[in-house]
Amino acid sequence: MTDTAVWTEDPVRVGLVGAGPWARAMHARMLAAGPETRLTAVWARRADAARETAEPYGAAVAAEFAELLDRCEAVAFAVPPSVQAELAPLAAKSGKALLLEKPIALDLAAGRRLADAVDEAGVVTQLVLTKRYHPTTRAFIAAAQQLEVTGARSCYLHGAFLGGDFATSWRLEHGALLDLGPHLLDLLDAAVGPITRIRATGDPRRWTELTCEHENGAVSQASLSGSVARERALTRVELFGPGPELVYDTAEIDHEECWPVLRREFATAVRAGRSGELDVHRGLRLQRLIEEAVRDLRS
């Protein structure tokens, strides 16, 4: 029997929490496409938005969060971090696997509570760090880990906070450090080496500059902004050392290639009962790094 046939017979039944632009553009579409998963229900605090998200895929609209839990074996979250941190522990306690957005919470204390709930329940978790599921990203990280890196420069820049669907209240309030920071810090931590210290300057709502010290002695810079006029987002990492530089640039990436990999790996983890590398504890590590940067900015 082929893998596709296996998944068609036993797809992971996923409920979606959230019905905003990201839930509609990515989560619902990805989970409904299968064959590894089936979108069974959608719940959101606005019932009309939940209906608009669910109907194209024949999914049910849950009247309450508890009803959503009754209709699925795994829960995907596409909501602000504060809402995810409130509801995901309840889903974990109900024995549901979790597909989590970044950051996993608004602050470290809430992130710890979520991770503790996951550990107590023993459920599978996976982070939607989108770029990590693209083969170009994986090839870059693998190549980087074979290099001696002395220093690195990186940036994640876009103009989504200037207006449009993704200029949401939590992004405008907390800025690029919480929204874009997890992506860039994850890449630097994985490619250069574990980050041991962060210094931060700037304004998270306009431009933030991070200096990261790594366990191997390397130093990296990270520039973050969601408030610059760009037609396309730019994520770029440049690694320098005794040998030739290594460059990663998302201009070469088609993000549509990420979704099938993400879906397949989540479904595989759920069926195996084992989380992969990008789990809630990876999210908690990134939350710790962000918290350190936030403290530096406030001081």
Foldseek 3Di string as FASTA:
>chain_A
DDPLVVLQVPAFEEEEEDQAPCCQVAVLVLQCVDSNHHDAEYEYPDQVSRCVRCVVRVHYYDPDPVVSLVRGQAYEYDDPLQVQLVCQLVSLQSNHEYEAEFLNHPALVSLVVNVVSNVVSLFAFFYPLLVCQDPLLVVQLVVLVVDQFAEKEKEKEAAPCVDDRPVDPVCQVQAFCRPVVLNQQLSCCRRNHHWDAKAWEDDRNAKIKIWTAHPSGHIYIYIYHNRDHDPDIWIKMWTDDPDDIGIDICVPPDSVSRSVSVSVQSSVCNVVSHYDPRGSVSSSSSSVRSNNHVVNHVD
